Amino acid sequence: MYHVLQLIYTIAHGLIQILQPILVPLCFILAWAGIFLSIWHIWTLFRESLANAQQMHKIPCPNCKFFTSNYHLKCPVHPITALSEEAIGCPDFEQSGIYPSS
């Protein structure tokens, strides 16, 4: 058993000695690739969040005359689509005057 372990150690040590000049640049490249991919992922999340926020700000419901701010019935005219993306371009939207338009 001891001879088998010694043989495995000798082979592994020889492989490490052969691969060592390749491992250092390979690890360097992989480390920078990981950093680049992390930054790219954060940038993509930021860009998607910004686009989503811009889309949500187009929903006119809080400025509508018919908006009730009630949890159970947000809008008596369109209760299903109130405060959703489907409410963008609502044909029954009427400015309430409570919130100044931007």
N, C-alpha and C. Protein backbone atom coordinates (compact mmCIF):
# COMPACT_ATOMS: atom_id res chain seq x y z
N MET A 1 0.82 -1.18 0.00
CA MET A 1 0.00 0.00 0.00
C MET A 1 0.88 1.26 0.00
N TYR A 2 1.94 1.20 0.78
CA TYR A 2 2.86 2.34 0.85
C TYR A 2 3.49 2.61 -0.50
N HIS A 3 3.83 1.58 -1.25
CA HIS A 3 4.46 1.75 -2.55
C HIS A 3 3.49 2.37 -3.57
N VAL A 4 2.21 2.01 -3.46
CA VAL A 4 1.20 2.58 -4.37
C VAL A 4 1.06 4.07 -4.10
N LEU A 5 0.98 4.46 -2.83
CA LEU A 5 0.87 5.87 -2.49
C LEU A 5 2.12 6.65 -2.90
N GLN A 6 3.27 6.04 -2.76
CA GLN A 6 4.51 6.69 -3.15
C GLN A 6 4.55 6.87 -4.67
N LEU A 7 4.05 5.91 -5.42
CA LEU A 7 3.98 6.01 -6.88
C LEU A 7 3.02 7.12 -7.31
N ILE A 8 1.85 7.18 -6.65
CA ILE A 8 0.88 8.24 -6.97
C ILE A 8 1.48 9.61 -6.67
N TYR A 9 2.18 9.72 -5.53
CA TYR A 9 2.81 10.99 -5.17
C TYR A 9 3.86 11.39 -6.21
N THR A 10 4.66 10.44 -6.65
CA THR A 10 5.70 10.71 -7.63
C THR A 10 5.10 11.18 -8.96
N ILE A 11 4.04 10.52 -9.39
CA ILE A 11 3.38 10.92 -10.65
C ILE A 11 2.75 12.30 -10.50
N ALA A 12 2.05 12.54 -9.40
CA ALA A 12 1.41 13.84 -9.18
C ALA A 12 2.45 14.95 -9.09
N HIS A 13 3.55 14.69 -8.41
CA HIS A 13 4.60 15.69 -8.29
C HIS A 13 5.22 16.00 -9.66
N GLY A 14 5.41 14.99 -10.46
CA GLY A 14 5.95 15.19 -11.81
C GLY A 14 5.00 16.00 -12.69
N LEU A 15 3.70 15.72 -12.60
CA LEU A 15 2.71 16.48 -13.38
C LEU A 15 2.67 17.94 -12.96
N ILE A 16 2.74 18.17 -11.67
CA ILE A 16 2.73 19.55 -11.18
C ILE A 16 3.96 20.30 -11.67
N GLN A 17 5.11 19.66 -11.65
CA GLN A 17 6.34 20.29 -12.13
C GLN A 17 6.24 20.61 -13.62
N ILE A 18 5.60 19.75 -14.39
CA ILE A 18 5.44 19.98 -15.83
C ILE A 18 4.43 21.10 -16.10
N LEU A 19 3.32 21.12 -15.36
CA LEU A 19 2.24 22.07 -15.61
C LEU A 19 2.43 23.42 -14.93
N GLN A 20 3.38 23.56 -14.03
CA GLN A 20 3.55 24.80 -13.28
C GLN A 20 3.77 26.02 -14.18
N PRO A 21 4.57 25.98 -15.24
CA PRO A 21 4.71 27.17 -16.09
C PRO A 21 3.40 27.56 -16.79
N ILE A 22 2.50 26.61 -16.96
CA ILE A 22 1.22 26.90 -17.63
C ILE A 22 0.18 27.37 -16.61
N LEU A 23 0.24 26.86 -15.39
CA LEU A 23 -0.78 27.16 -14.39
C LEU A 23 -0.80 28.62 -13.95
N VAL A 24 0.34 29.23 -13.82
CA VAL A 24 0.39 30.62 -13.35
C VAL A 24 -0.30 31.56 -14.34
N PRO A 25 0.03 31.55 -15.64
CA PRO A 25 -0.70 32.43 -16.56
C PRO A 25 -2.17 32.03 -16.70
N LEU A 26 -2.45 30.74 -16.63
CA LEU A 26 -3.83 30.29 -16.75
C LEU A 26 -4.67 30.80 -15.58
N CYS A 27 -4.15 30.72 -14.37
CA CYS A 27 -4.87 31.23 -13.20
C CYS A 27 -5.03 32.75 -13.27
N PHE A 28 -4.01 33.44 -13.78
CA PHE A 28 -4.09 34.89 -13.95
C PHE A 28 -5.21 35.26 -14.90
N ILE A 29 -5.28 34.56 -16.02
CA ILE A 29 -6.32 34.84 -17.01
C ILE A 29 -7.70 34.50 -16.45
N LEU A 30 -7.82 33.38 -15.76
CA LEU A 30 -9.11 32.99 -15.20
C LEU A 30 -9.57 33.96 -14.11
N ALA A 31 -8.64 34.48 -13.31
CA ALA A 31 -9.01 35.43 -12.27
C ALA A 31 -9.55 36.73 -12.89
N TRP A 32 -8.86 37.24 -13.92
CA TRP A 32 -9.33 38.46 -14.57
C TRP A 32 -10.62 38.22 -15.35
N ALA A 33 -10.78 37.05 -15.90
CA ALA A 33 -12.04 36.73 -16.59
C ALA A 33 -13.19 36.71 -15.59
N GLY A 34 -12.95 36.17 -14.40
CA GLY A 34 -13.99 36.18 -13.36
C GLY A 34 -14.35 37.59 -12.94
N ILE A 35 -13.36 38.46 -12.78
CA ILE A 35 -13.62 39.85 -12.42
C ILE A 35 -14.39 40.55 -13.53
N PHE A 36 -13.99 40.35 -14.77
CA PHE A 36 -14.67 40.97 -15.91
C PHE A 36 -16.12 40.50 -15.99
N LEU A 37 -16.36 39.20 -15.83
CA LEU A 37 -17.72 38.67 -15.89
C LEU A 37 -18.58 39.20 -14.75
N SER A 38 -18.01 39.38 -13.58
CA SER A 38 -18.75 39.94 -12.45
C SER A 38 -19.17 41.38 -12.74
N ILE A 39 -18.24 42.17 -13.24
CA ILE A 39 -18.55 43.56 -13.57
C ILE A 39 -19.59 43.62 -14.68
N TRP A 40 -19.46 42.76 -15.68
CA TRP A 40 -20.43 42.73 -16.78
C TRP A 40 -21.82 42.36 -16.25
N HIS A 41 -21.90 41.41 -15.33
CA HIS A 41 -23.18 40.99 -14.76
C HIS A 41 -23.81 42.13 -13.96
N ILE A 42 -23.01 42.84 -13.17
CA ILE A 42 -23.53 43.96 -12.39
C ILE A 42 -24.03 45.07 -13.32
N TRP A 43 -23.29 45.35 -14.39
CA TRP A 43 -23.71 46.37 -15.35
C TRP A 43 -25.02 45.97 -16.03
N THR A 44 -25.16 44.70 -16.41
CA THR A 44 -26.39 44.23 -17.04
C THR A 44 -27.58 44.35 -16.08
N LEU A 45 -27.39 43.97 -14.83
CA LEU A 45 -28.46 44.11 -13.84
C LEU A 45 -28.86 45.57 -13.65
N PHE A 46 -27.87 46.45 -13.60
CA PHE A 46 -28.15 47.89 -13.45
C PHE A 46 -28.95 48.41 -14.63
N ARG A 47 -28.53 48.03 -15.83
CA ARG A 47 -29.20 48.50 -17.05
C ARG A 47 -30.64 47.99 -17.11
N GLU A 48 -30.87 46.72 -16.76
CA GLU A 48 -32.22 46.16 -16.78
C GLU A 48 -33.09 46.80 -15.69
N SER A 49 -32.52 47.07 -14.53
CA SER A 49 -33.27 47.72 -13.46
C SER A 49 -33.68 49.13 -13.85
N LEU A 50 -32.79 49.83 -14.51
CA LEU A 50 -33.10 51.18 -14.96
C LEU A 50 -34.21 51.17 -16.00
N ALA A 51 -34.15 50.23 -16.95
CA ALA A 51 -35.20 50.13 -17.97
C ALA A 51 -36.54 49.77 -17.32
N ASN A 52 -36.51 48.88 -16.34
CA ASN A 52 -37.74 48.50 -15.65
C ASN A 52 -38.32 49.68 -14.88
N ALA A 53 -37.48 50.45 -14.21
CA ALA A 53 -37.95 51.62 -13.47
C ALA A 53 -38.55 52.66 -14.41
N GLN A 54 -37.93 52.87 -15.56
CA GLN A 54 -38.48 53.83 -16.53
C GLN A 54 -39.84 53.36 -17.04
N GLN A 55 -40.00 52.06 -17.24
CA GLN A 55 -41.27 51.52 -17.69
C GLN A 55 -42.34 51.70 -16.61
N MET A 56 -41.99 51.48 -15.36
CA MET A 56 -42.96 51.61 -14.26
C MET A 56 -43.38 53.06 -14.05
N HIS A 57 -42.51 54.01 -14.35
CA HIS A 57 -42.86 55.42 -14.20
C HIS A 57 -43.82 55.90 -15.28
N LYS A 58 -44.05 55.10 -16.29
CA LYS A 58 -45.02 55.45 -17.33
C LYS A 58 -46.44 55.09 -16.94
N ILE A 59 -46.62 54.35 -15.84
CA ILE A 59 -47.96 53.96 -15.39
C ILE A 59 -48.65 55.20 -14.83
N PRO A 60 -49.79 55.60 -15.41
CA PRO A 60 -50.42 56.86 -15.02
C PRO A 60 -51.37 56.76 -13.83
N CYS A 61 -51.61 55.59 -13.30
CA CYS A 61 -52.65 55.39 -12.28
C CYS A 61 -52.59 56.33 -11.08
N PRO A 62 -51.43 56.55 -10.44
CA PRO A 62 -51.44 57.42 -9.25
C PRO A 62 -51.88 58.85 -9.53
N ASN A 63 -51.81 59.29 -10.79
CA ASN A 63 -52.22 60.65 -11.13
C ASN A 63 -53.63 60.71 -11.71
N CYS A 64 -54.33 59.58 -11.72
CA CYS A 64 -55.64 59.52 -12.35
C CYS A 64 -56.73 59.95 -11.37
N LYS A 65 -57.78 60.54 -11.92
CA LYS A 65 -58.93 60.99 -11.14
C LYS A 65 -59.65 59.82 -10.48
N PHE A 66 -59.64 58.66 -11.12
CA PHE A 66 -60.39 57.51 -10.63
C PHE A 66 -59.59 56.63 -9.66
N PHE A 67 -58.33 56.93 -9.46
CA PHE A 67 -57.48 56.12 -8.59
C PHE A 67 -57.87 56.35 -7.14
N THR A 68 -58.12 55.27 -6.38
CA THR A 68 -58.64 55.40 -5.02
C THR A 68 -57.57 55.22 -3.94
N SER A 69 -56.42 54.65 -4.25
CA SER A 69 -55.37 54.32 -3.27
C SER A 69 -55.84 53.29 -2.25
N ASN A 70 -56.92 52.62 -2.54
CA ASN A 70 -57.44 51.58 -1.66
C ASN A 70 -56.84 50.25 -2.10
N TYR A 71 -56.40 49.46 -1.14
CA TYR A 71 -55.76 48.19 -1.46
C TYR A 71 -56.74 47.24 -2.15
N HIS A 72 -57.99 47.26 -1.76
CA HIS A 72 -58.97 46.32 -2.30
C HIS A 72 -59.49 46.75 -3.67
N LEU A 73 -59.66 48.03 -3.90
CA LEU A 73 -60.16 48.50 -5.19
C LEU A 73 -59.36 49.74 -5.58
N LYS A 74 -58.29 49.52 -6.33
CA LYS A 74 -57.40 50.62 -6.71
C LYS A 74 -58.06 51.56 -7.71
N CYS A 75 -58.81 50.97 -8.64
CA CYS A 75 -59.45 51.76 -9.69
C CYS A 75 -60.82 51.15 -9.99
N PRO A 76 -61.91 51.90 -9.83
CA PRO A 76 -63.23 51.33 -10.12
C PRO A 76 -63.49 51.15 -11.62
N VAL A 77 -62.76 51.86 -12.46
CA VAL A 77 -62.97 51.75 -13.91
C VAL A 77 -62.26 50.52 -14.47
N HIS A 78 -60.99 50.32 -14.09
CA HIS A 78 -60.19 49.18 -14.55
C HIS A 78 -59.51 48.52 -13.35
N PRO A 79 -60.25 47.76 -12.54
CA PRO A 79 -59.66 47.21 -11.32
C PRO A 79 -58.58 46.15 -11.56
N ILE A 80 -58.65 45.45 -12.68
CA ILE A 80 -57.68 44.37 -12.93
C ILE A 80 -56.35 44.92 -13.42
N THR A 81 -56.39 45.94 -14.25
CA THR A 81 -55.15 46.46 -14.84
C THR A 81 -54.54 47.63 -14.07
N ALA A 82 -55.19 48.08 -13.01
CA ALA A 82 -54.68 49.24 -12.26
C ALA A 82 -53.28 48.95 -11.70
N LEU A 83 -52.41 49.91 -11.83
CA LEU A 83 -51.03 49.86 -11.36
C LEU A 83 -50.21 48.74 -11.99
N SER A 84 -50.55 48.36 -13.20
CA SER A 84 -49.77 47.36 -13.94
C SER A 84 -49.31 47.98 -15.25
N GLU A 85 -48.46 47.27 -15.98
CA GLU A 85 -47.99 47.78 -17.27
C GLU A 85 -49.12 47.88 -18.28
N GLU A 86 -50.17 47.12 -18.08
CA GLU A 86 -51.32 47.19 -18.98
C GLU A 86 -52.05 48.52 -18.87
N ALA A 87 -51.83 49.25 -17.79
CA ALA A 87 -52.49 50.53 -17.59
C ALA A 87 -51.83 51.67 -18.37
N ILE A 88 -50.67 51.42 -18.95
CA ILE A 88 -50.01 52.46 -19.74
C ILE A 88 -50.87 52.73 -20.98
N GLY A 89 -51.20 53.97 -21.18
CA GLY A 89 -52.06 54.34 -22.31
C GLY A 89 -53.53 54.10 -22.02
N CYS A 90 -53.94 54.13 -20.78
CA CYS A 90 -55.33 53.90 -20.39
C CYS A 90 -56.24 54.94 -21.06
N PRO A 91 -57.28 54.48 -21.76
CA PRO A 91 -58.15 55.43 -22.46
C PRO A 91 -59.03 56.26 -21.51
N ASP A 92 -59.20 55.81 -20.28
CA ASP A 92 -60.06 56.52 -19.33
C ASP A 92 -59.27 57.39 -18.35
N PHE A 93 -57.97 57.56 -18.59
CA PHE A 93 -57.14 58.35 -17.69
C PHE A 93 -57.59 59.80 -17.70
N GLU A 94 -57.78 60.34 -16.50
CA GLU A 94 -58.08 61.77 -16.35
C GLU A 94 -57.19 62.31 -15.25
N GLN A 95 -56.49 63.39 -15.54
CA GLN A 95 -55.58 64.00 -14.57
C GLN A 95 -56.37 64.46 -13.35
N SER A 96 -55.90 64.07 -12.17
CA SER A 96 -56.64 64.39 -10.95
C SER A 96 -56.31 65.77 -10.39
N GLY A 97 -55.13 66.25 -10.65
CA GLY A 97 -54.74 67.55 -10.10
C GLY A 97 -54.09 67.42 -8.74
N ILE A 98 -54.14 66.22 -8.13
CA ILE A 98 -53.50 66.02 -6.82
C ILE A 98 -52.00 66.06 -6.95
N TYR A 99 -51.49 65.34 -7.93
CA TYR A 99 -50.05 65.29 -8.16
C TYR A 99 -49.74 66.14 -9.39
N PRO A 100 -48.80 67.05 -9.31
CA PRO A 100 -48.45 67.84 -10.50
C PRO A 100 -47.80 66.94 -11.55
N SER A 101 -48.17 67.13 -12.79
CA SER A 101 -47.58 66.34 -13.86
C SER A 101 -46.17 66.81 -14.13
N SER A 102 -45.31 65.86 -14.48
CA SER A 102 -43.91 66.21 -14.72
C SER A 102 -43.62 66.34 -16.18
